[in-house]
Amino acid sequence: MRIVGLTGGISSGKSTVSNLFQANEITIIDADLVARDVLKRGTSGWKKVVATFGEDILLANGEVDRPKLGQIVFSDPDKRQLLNRLLAPYISTGIFTEILKLWIKGCKVIVLDVPLLFEAKMDKWTKPIIVVWVDPEIQLQRLMARDRTSEEDAKNRINAQMPLDIKRTKADIVMDNNGSLDDLNEQFRKVLSQVTKPLTWTEFWLSRQGALSALVSVIVGVVICRKML
């Protein structure tokens, strides 16, 4: 199995690239969706977050008011790190569970869409790693236009993440999203061919098909040895 890492920064275009993968029938595990499940009312993650940040972060139906919680943690680095520590074990478990399900189904290539891929040390599981990069000034303008937010709030949200210039140094593939959507699509076609190339032997043996082949080989070997004795 090939596990591809996809990351970037807020308003860098990562979600657009993720959607392009899905449109080309590449299986995606979206860490943001896993995180939403982790914060659903009554879950262990929900209980820890409410106990830490108080019931003021809840909506009338008992669910977490995510925008309100976001405002709290984006304006305070210590609280942001605390929230990450609280939820990281549950998110990691959720992602591993999804990977296992896909492995059982025989999926050969999956893309992990994780905003905090490096911060959460999940880059150790993935190869290649794709970073969707954009110039910081363009990133700021796009975020302000998308969310209709102030420059100060937008900067706080961008600064809450590892700088894209650092992420790009850790990447195997960098997608430059300073241009148009057509430019990004052109880059994506090249990336798609890299991601979908035949599995290496190591990746094959880590897949369900490889494991079954190994098991069959062992069984055949045992049978032959017994007949020779």
C-alpha atoms as a PDB file:
ATOM      1  CA  MET A   1       0.000   0.000   0.000  1.00  0.00           C
ATOM      2  CA  ARG A   2       1.194   3.495  -0.860  1.00  0.00           C
ATOM      3  CA  ILE A   3       0.235   6.162   1.692  1.00  0.00           C
ATOM      4  CA  VAL A   4       0.671   9.629   0.201  1.00  0.00           C
ATOM      5  CA  GLY A   5       0.885  12.643   2.513  1.00  0.00           C
ATOM      6  CA  LEU A   6      -0.923  15.808   1.421  1.00  0.00           C
ATOM      7  CA  THR A   7      -0.544  19.013   3.397  1.00  0.00           C
ATOM      8  CA  GLY A   8      -0.254  22.768   3.048  1.00  0.00           C
ATOM      9  CA  GLY A   9      -1.521  25.784   4.929  1.00  0.00           C
ATOM     10  CA  ILE A  10      -4.816  27.560   5.388  1.00  0.00           C
ATOM     11  CA  SER A  11      -5.920  28.978   1.993  1.00  0.00           C
ATOM     12  CA  SER A  12      -2.938  27.419   0.215  1.00  0.00           C
ATOM     13  CA  GLY A  13      -5.162  25.296  -2.047  1.00  0.00           C
ATOM     14  CA  LYS A  14      -4.711  21.936  -0.323  1.00  0.00           C
ATOM     15  CA  SER A  15      -8.438  21.212  -0.353  1.00  0.00           C
ATOM     16  CA  THR A  16      -8.573  21.933  -4.087  1.00  0.00           C
ATOM     17  CA  VAL A  17      -5.833  19.377  -4.699  1.00  0.00           C
ATOM     18  CA  SER A  18      -7.593  16.903  -2.410  1.00  0.00           C
ATOM     19  CA  ASN A  19     -10.765  17.331  -4.478  1.00  0.00           C
ATOM     20  CA  LEU A  20      -8.777  16.731  -7.667  1.00  0.00           C
ATOM     21  CA  PHE A  21      -7.522  13.427  -6.257  1.00  0.00           C
ATOM     22  CA  GLN A  22     -11.077  12.408  -5.380  1.00  0.00           C
ATOM     23  CA  ALA A  23     -12.289  13.366  -8.863  1.00  0.00           C
ATOM     24  CA  ASN A  24      -9.662  10.961 -10.224  1.00  0.00           C
ATOM     25  CA  GLU A  25     -10.911   8.134  -7.966  1.00  0.00           C
ATOM     26  CA  ILE A  26      -7.988   8.268  -5.525  1.00  0.00           C
ATOM     27  CA  THR A  27      -9.100   7.404  -1.984  1.00  0.00           C
ATOM     28  CA  ILE A  28      -8.733  10.251   0.521  1.00  0.00           C
ATOM     29  CA  ILE A  29      -8.568  10.151   4.311  1.00  0.00           C
ATOM     30  CA  ASP A  30      -9.463  13.679   5.456  1.00  0.00           C
ATOM     31  CA  ALA A  31      -8.052  14.433   8.914  1.00  0.00           C
ATOM     32  CA  ASP A  32     -10.515  17.318   9.322  1.00  0.00           C
ATOM     33  CA  LEU A  33     -13.458  14.906   8.948  1.00  0.00           C
ATOM     34  CA  VAL A  34     -11.841  12.542  11.462  1.00  0.00           C
ATOM     35  CA  ALA A  35     -11.404  15.485  13.852  1.00  0.00           C
ATOM     36  CA  ARG A  36     -15.098  16.358  13.491  1.00  0.00           C
ATOM     37  CA  ASP A  37     -16.037  12.823  14.506  1.00  0.00           C
ATOM     38  CA  VAL A  38     -13.669  13.035  17.473  1.00  0.00           C
ATOM     39  CA  LEU A  39     -15.492  16.173  18.699  1.00  0.00           C
ATOM     40  CA  LYS A  40     -19.033  14.846  18.332  1.00  0.00           C
ATOM     41  CA  ARG A  41     -21.215  15.155  21.407  1.00  0.00           C
ATOM     42  CA  GLY A  42     -20.620  12.421  23.966  1.00  0.00           C
ATOM     43  CA  THR A  43     -17.309  11.130  22.569  1.00  0.00           C
ATOM     44  CA  SER A  44     -14.181  10.906  24.718  1.00  0.00           C
ATOM     45  CA  GLY A  45     -12.625  13.791  22.803  1.00  0.00           C
ATOM     46  CA  TRP A  46     -15.722  15.928  23.340  1.00  0.00           C
ATOM     47  CA  LYS A  47     -15.682  15.216  27.081  1.00  0.00           C
ATOM     48  CA  LYS A  48     -12.010  16.195  27.425  1.00  0.00           C
ATOM     49  CA  VAL A  49     -12.407  19.405  25.442  1.00  0.00           C
ATOM     50  CA  VAL A  50     -15.524  20.484  27.359  1.00  0.00           C
ATOM     51  CA  ALA A  51     -13.857  19.687  30.686  1.00  0.00           C
ATOM     52  CA  THR A  52     -10.856  21.796  29.669  1.00  0.00           C
ATOM     53  CA  PHE A  53     -12.473  24.765  27.908  1.00  0.00           C
ATOM     54  CA  GLY A  54     -15.847  24.841  29.676  1.00  0.00           C
ATOM     55  CA  GLU A  55     -19.440  24.534  28.537  1.00  0.00           C
ATOM     56  CA  ASP A  56     -19.369  28.046  27.056  1.00  0.00           C
ATOM     57  CA  ILE A  57     -17.956  26.490  23.851  1.00  0.00           C
ATOM     58  CA  LEU A  58     -21.133  24.417  23.344  1.00  0.00           C
ATOM     59  CA  LEU A  59     -24.086  25.134  21.088  1.00  0.00           C
ATOM     60  CA  ALA A  60     -27.650  24.753  22.331  1.00  0.00           C
ATOM     61  CA  ASN A  61     -27.744  21.150  21.057  1.00  0.00           C
ATOM     62  CA  GLY A  62     -24.626  20.230  23.044  1.00  0.00           C
ATOM     63  CA  GLU A  63     -22.280  20.075  20.060  1.00  0.00           C
ATOM     64  CA  VAL A  64     -19.020  22.034  20.125  1.00  0.00           C
ATOM     65  CA  ASP A  65     -19.258  25.489  18.561  1.00  0.00           C
ATOM     66  CA  ARG A  66     -16.221  24.990  16.322  1.00  0.00           C
ATOM     67  CA  PRO A  67     -15.886  28.628  15.170  1.00  0.00           C
ATOM     68  CA  LYS A  68     -15.980  29.811  18.789  1.00  0.00           C
ATOM     69  CA  LEU A  69     -13.412  27.218  19.863  1.00  0.00           C
ATOM     70  CA  GLY A  70     -11.297  28.222  16.873  1.00  0.00           C
ATOM     71  CA  GLN A  71     -11.311  31.872  17.918  1.00  0.00           C
ATOM     72  CA  ILE A  72     -10.137  30.869  21.399  1.00  0.00           C
ATOM     73  CA  VAL A  73      -7.236  28.684  20.285  1.00  0.00           C
ATOM     74  CA  PHE A  74      -6.070  30.749  17.284  1.00  0.00           C
ATOM     75  CA  SER A  75      -5.564  33.795  19.512  1.00  0.00           C
ATOM     76  CA  ASP A  76      -3.678  31.877  22.215  1.00  0.00           C
ATOM     77  CA  PRO A  77      -0.749  29.568  21.250  1.00  0.00           C
ATOM     78  CA  ASP A  78      -0.789  27.804  24.634  1.00  0.00           C
ATOM     79  CA  LYS A  79      -4.480  26.930  24.346  1.00  0.00           C
ATOM     80  CA  ARG A  80      -3.962  25.828  20.752  1.00  0.00           C
ATOM     81  CA  GLN A  81      -1.189  23.440  21.789  1.00  0.00           C
ATOM     82  CA  LEU A  82      -3.353  22.180  24.646  1.00  0.00           C
ATOM     83  CA  LEU A  83      -6.227  21.423  22.261  1.00  0.00           C
ATOM     84  CA  ASN A  84      -3.860  19.618  19.880  1.00  0.00           C
ATOM     85  CA  ARG A  85      -2.514  17.492  22.742  1.00  0.00           C
ATOM     86  CA  LEU A  86      -6.036  16.597  23.869  1.00  0.00           C
ATOM     87  CA  LEU A  87      -7.266  15.527  20.453  1.00  0.00           C
ATOM     88  CA  ALA A  88      -4.105  14.134  18.800  1.00  0.00           C
ATOM     89  CA  PRO A  89      -4.432  10.576  20.228  1.00  0.00           C
ATOM     90  CA  TYR A  90      -8.063  10.296  19.115  1.00  0.00           C
ATOM     91  CA  ILE A  91      -7.368  11.717  15.648  1.00  0.00           C
ATOM     92  CA  SER A  92      -4.366   9.404  15.153  1.00  0.00           C
ATOM     93  CA  THR A  93      -6.433   6.397  16.204  1.00  0.00           C
ATOM     94  CA  GLY A  94      -9.228   7.434  13.841  1.00  0.00           C
ATOM     95  CA  ILE A  95      -6.816   7.769  10.922  1.00  0.00           C
ATOM     96  CA  PHE A  96      -5.168   4.405  11.651  1.00  0.00           C
ATOM     97  CA  THR A  97      -8.616   2.809  11.791  1.00  0.00           C
ATOM     98  CA  GLU A  98      -9.483   4.229   8.363  1.00  0.00           C
ATOM     99  CA  ILE A  99      -6.148   3.012   6.955  1.00  0.00           C
ATOM    100  CA  LEU A 100      -6.820  -0.486   8.313  1.00  0.00           C
ATOM    101  CA  LYS A 101     -10.294  -0.548   6.743  1.00  0.00           C
ATOM    102  CA  LEU A 102      -8.848   0.445   3.375  1.00  0.00           C
ATOM    103  CA  TRP A 103      -6.039  -2.117   3.704  1.00  0.00           C
ATOM    104  CA  ILE A 104      -8.611  -4.856   4.324  1.00  0.00           C
ATOM    105  CA  LYS A 105     -10.501  -3.714   1.213  1.00  0.00           C
ATOM    106  CA  GLY A 106      -7.300  -4.066  -0.810  1.00  0.00           C
ATOM    107  CA  CYS A 107      -6.810  -0.376  -1.557  1.00  0.00           C
ATOM    108  CA  LYS A 108      -3.378   0.171  -3.109  1.00  0.00           C
ATOM    109  CA  VAL A 109      -3.036   3.978  -2.968  1.00  0.00           C
ATOM    110  CA  ILE A 110      -4.516   6.355  -0.413  1.00  0.00           C
ATOM    111  CA  VAL A 111      -3.903  10.047   0.242  1.00  0.00           C
ATOM    112  CA  LEU A 112      -3.753  11.338   3.807  1.00  0.00           C
ATOM    113  CA  ASP A 113      -5.063  14.912   3.739  1.00  0.00           C
ATOM    114  CA  VAL A 114      -3.640  16.297   6.994  1.00  0.00           C
ATOM    115  CA  PRO A 115      -3.124  20.042   7.663  1.00  0.00           C
ATOM    116  CA  LEU A 116      -0.783  19.276  10.587  1.00  0.00           C
ATOM    117  CA  LEU A 117       1.075  16.403   8.875  1.00  0.00           C
ATOM    118  CA  PHE A 118       4.510  17.523  10.101  1.00  0.00           C
ATOM    119  CA  GLU A 119       3.398  18.936  13.434  1.00  0.00           C
ATOM    120  CA  ALA A 120       1.650  15.656  14.318  1.00  0.00           C
ATOM    121  CA  LYS A 121       4.661  13.604  13.078  1.00  0.00           C
ATOM    122  CA  MET A 122       2.395  11.767  10.614  1.00  0.00           C
ATOM    123  CA  ASP A 123       4.889  12.438   7.822  1.00  0.00           C
ATOM    124  CA  LYS A 124       6.743   9.319   9.054  1.00  0.00           C
ATOM    125  CA  TRP A 125       3.893   7.174   7.703  1.00  0.00           C
ATOM    126  CA  THR A 126       3.741   8.754   4.255  1.00  0.00           C
ATOM    127  CA  LYS A 127       5.731   8.669   1.013  1.00  0.00           C
ATOM    128  CA  PRO A 128       5.717  10.773  -1.085  1.00  0.00           C
ATOM    129  CA  ILE A 129       4.776  13.939   0.784  1.00  0.00           C
ATOM    130  CA  ILE A 130       3.012  16.642  -1.240  1.00  0.00           C
ATOM    131  CA  VAL A 131       3.000  20.250  -0.008  1.00  0.00           C
ATOM    132  CA  VAL A 132       0.683  22.765  -1.670  1.00  0.00           C
ATOM    133  CA  TRP A 133       2.644  26.012  -1.382  1.00  0.00           C
ATOM    134  CA  VAL A 134       1.652  29.635  -1.941  1.00  0.00           C
ATOM    135  CA  ASP A 135       3.406  32.939  -1.349  1.00  0.00           C
ATOM    136  CA  PRO A 136       2.587  34.235   2.180  1.00  0.00           C
ATOM    137  CA  GLU A 137       1.145  37.535   0.904  1.00  0.00           C
ATOM    138  CA  ILE A 138      -1.130  35.752  -1.578  1.00  0.00           C
ATOM    139  CA  GLN A 139      -2.129  33.323   1.170  1.00  0.00           C
ATOM    140  CA  LEU A 140      -3.132  36.240   3.418  1.00  0.00           C
ATOM    141  CA  GLN A 141      -5.184  37.954   0.716  1.00  0.00           C
ATOM    142  CA  ARG A 142      -6.955  34.742  -0.256  1.00  0.00           C
ATOM    143  CA  LEU A 143      -7.828  33.943   3.355  1.00  0.00           C
ATOM    144  CA  MET A 144      -9.212  37.430   3.998  1.00  0.00           C
ATOM    145  CA  ALA A 145     -11.318  37.243   0.827  1.00  0.00           C
ATOM    146  CA  ARG A 146     -12.533  33.692   1.481  1.00  0.00           C
ATOM    147  CA  ASP A 147     -13.574  34.153   5.109  1.00  0.00           C
ATOM    148  CA  ARG A 148     -14.273  37.899   4.943  1.00  0.00           C
ATOM    149  CA  THR A 149     -12.097  38.342   7.985  1.00  0.00           C
ATOM    150  CA  SER A 150      -9.797  41.087   9.211  1.00  0.00           C
ATOM    151  CA  GLU A 151      -6.089  41.139   8.401  1.00  0.00           C
ATOM    152  CA  GLU A 152      -5.230  40.617  12.086  1.00  0.00           C
ATOM    153  CA  ASP A 153      -7.474  37.571  12.424  1.00  0.00           C
ATOM    154  CA  ALA A 154      -6.181  36.120   9.166  1.00  0.00           C
ATOM    155  CA  LYS A 155      -2.566  36.587  10.262  1.00  0.00           C
ATOM    156  CA  ASN A 156      -3.306  34.903  13.603  1.00  0.00           C
ATOM    157  CA  ARG A 157      -4.709  31.869  11.823  1.00  0.00           C
ATOM    158  CA  ILE A 158      -1.795  31.662   9.386  1.00  0.00           C
ATOM    159  CA  ASN A 159       0.784  32.111  12.152  1.00  0.00           C
ATOM    160  CA  ALA A 160      -0.859  29.323  14.142  1.00  0.00           C
ATOM    161  CA  GLN A 161       0.540  26.865  11.586  1.00  0.00           C
ATOM    162  CA  MET A 162       4.051  25.878  10.580  1.00  0.00           C
ATOM    163  CA  PRO A 163       5.218  28.318   7.856  1.00  0.00           C
ATOM    164  CA  LEU A 164       4.714  27.012   4.328  1.00  0.00           C
ATOM    165  CA  ASP A 165       8.321  27.866   3.477  1.00  0.00           C
ATOM    166  CA  ILE A 166       9.434  25.344   6.110  1.00  0.00           C
ATOM    167  CA  LYS A 167       6.922  22.721   4.985  1.00  0.00           C
ATOM    168  CA  ARG A 168       8.130  22.934   1.391  1.00  0.00           C
ATOM    169  CA  THR A 169      11.679  22.008   2.503  1.00  0.00           C
ATOM    170  CA  LYS A 170      10.293  18.784   3.982  1.00  0.00           C
ATOM    171  CA  ALA A 171       8.283  17.817   0.887  1.00  0.00           C
ATOM    172  CA  ASP A 172       9.003  15.268  -1.826  1.00  0.00           C
ATOM    173  CA  ILE A 173       6.681  17.159  -4.189  1.00  0.00           C
ATOM    174  CA  VAL A 174       5.881  20.894  -4.036  1.00  0.00           C
ATOM    175  CA  MET A 175       2.825  22.202  -5.880  1.00  0.00           C
ATOM    176  CA  ASP A 176       3.108  25.961  -6.487  1.00  0.00           C
ATOM    177  CA  ASN A 177      -0.373  27.500  -6.227  1.00  0.00           C
ATOM    178  CA  ASN A 178       0.519  31.141  -6.878  1.00  0.00           C
ATOM    179  CA  GLY A 179      -1.050  30.999 -10.322  1.00  0.00           C
ATOM    180  CA  SER A 180      -4.418  30.113 -11.806  1.00  0.00           C
ATOM    181  CA  LEU A 181      -6.529  26.998 -11.347  1.00  0.00           C
ATOM    182  CA  ASP A 182      -5.422  25.885 -14.823  1.00  0.00           C
ATOM    183  CA  ASP A 183      -1.790  26.115 -13.681  1.00  0.00           C
ATOM    184  CA  LEU A 184      -2.604  23.988 -10.641  1.00  0.00           C
ATOM    185  CA  ASN A 185      -4.430  21.435 -12.791  1.00  0.00           C
ATOM    186  CA  GLU A 186      -1.408  21.154 -15.071  1.00  0.00           C
ATOM    187  CA  GLN A 187       0.848  20.405 -12.076  1.00  0.00           C
ATOM    188  CA  PHE A 188      -1.706  17.975 -10.702  1.00  0.00           C
ATOM    189  CA  ARG A 189      -1.653  15.822 -13.846  1.00  0.00           C
ATOM    190  CA  LYS A 190       2.092  15.292 -13.372  1.00  0.00           C
ATOM    191  CA  VAL A 191       1.658  14.576  -9.651  1.00  0.00           C
ATOM    192  CA  LEU A 192      -1.134  12.093 -10.349  1.00  0.00           C
ATOM    193  CA  SER A 193       1.112  10.085 -12.662  1.00  0.00           C
ATOM    194  CA  GLN A 194       3.754   9.914  -9.911  1.00  0.00           C
ATOM    195  CA  VAL A 195       1.267   8.866  -7.245  1.00  0.00           C
ATOM    196  CA  THR A 196      -0.354   6.158  -9.370  1.00  0.00           C
ATOM    197  CA  LYS A 197       2.832   4.587 -10.772  1.00  0.00           C
ATOM    198  CA  PRO A 198       3.283   0.851  -9.967  1.00  0.00           C
ATOM    199  CA  LEU A 199       3.919   0.022  -6.330  1.00  0.00           C
ATOM    200  CA  THR A 200       7.478  -0.635  -5.236  1.00  0.00           C
ATOM    201  CA  TRP A 201       8.188  -4.105  -3.876  1.00  0.00           C
ATOM    202  CA  THR A 202       8.117  -2.757  -0.333  1.00  0.00           C
ATOM    203  CA  GLU A 203       4.742  -1.107  -0.920  1.00  0.00           C
ATOM    204  CA  PHE A 204       3.410  -4.280  -2.537  1.00  0.00           C
ATOM    205  CA  TRP A 205       4.362  -6.501   0.395  1.00  0.00           C
ATOM    206  CA  LEU A 206       2.690  -4.016   2.758  1.00  0.00           C
ATOM    207  CA  SER A 207      -0.551  -4.244   0.797  1.00  0.00           C
ATOM    208  CA  ARG A 208      -3.258  -6.835   1.413  1.00  0.00           C
ATOM    209  CA  GLN A 209      -2.372  -8.534  -1.861  1.00  0.00           C
ATOM    210  CA  GLY A 210       1.276  -8.739  -0.843  1.00  0.00           C
ATOM    211  CA  ALA A 211       0.406 -10.135   2.579  1.00  0.00           C
ATOM    212  CA  LEU A 212      -1.849 -12.777   1.011  1.00  0.00           C
ATOM    213  CA  SER A 213       0.872 -13.675  -1.510  1.00  0.00           C
ATOM    214  CA  ALA A 214       3.363 -14.070   1.318  1.00  0.00           C
ATOM    215  CA  LEU A 215       0.900 -16.232   3.262  1.00  0.00           C
ATOM    216  CA  VAL A 216       0.245 -18.460   0.225  1.00  0.00           C
ATOM    217  CA  SER A 217       3.998 -18.800  -0.366  1.00  0.00           C
ATOM    218  CA  VAL A 218       4.535 -19.878   3.242  1.00  0.00           C
ATOM    219  CA  ILE A 219       1.702 -22.433   3.061  1.00  0.00           C
ATOM    220  CA  VAL A 220       3.001 -23.850  -0.251  1.00  0.00           C
ATOM    221  CA  GLY A 221       6.497 -24.008   1.184  1.00  0.00           C
ATOM    222  CA  VAL A 222       5.284 -25.899   4.275  1.00  0.00           C
ATOM    223  CA  VAL A 223       3.326 -28.380   2.124  1.00  0.00           C
ATOM    224  CA  ILE A 224       6.327 -29.030  -0.146  1.00  0.00           C
ATOM    225  CA  CYS A 225       8.645 -29.517   2.832  1.00  0.00           C
ATOM    226  CA  ARG A 226       6.266 -32.005   4.398  1.00  0.00           C
ATOM    227  CA  LYS A 227       6.075 -34.023   1.182  1.00  0.00           C
ATOM    228  CA  MET A 228       9.858 -34.117   0.968  1.00  0.00           C
ATOM    229  CA  LEU A 229      10.210 -35.468   4.522  1.00  0.00           C
END
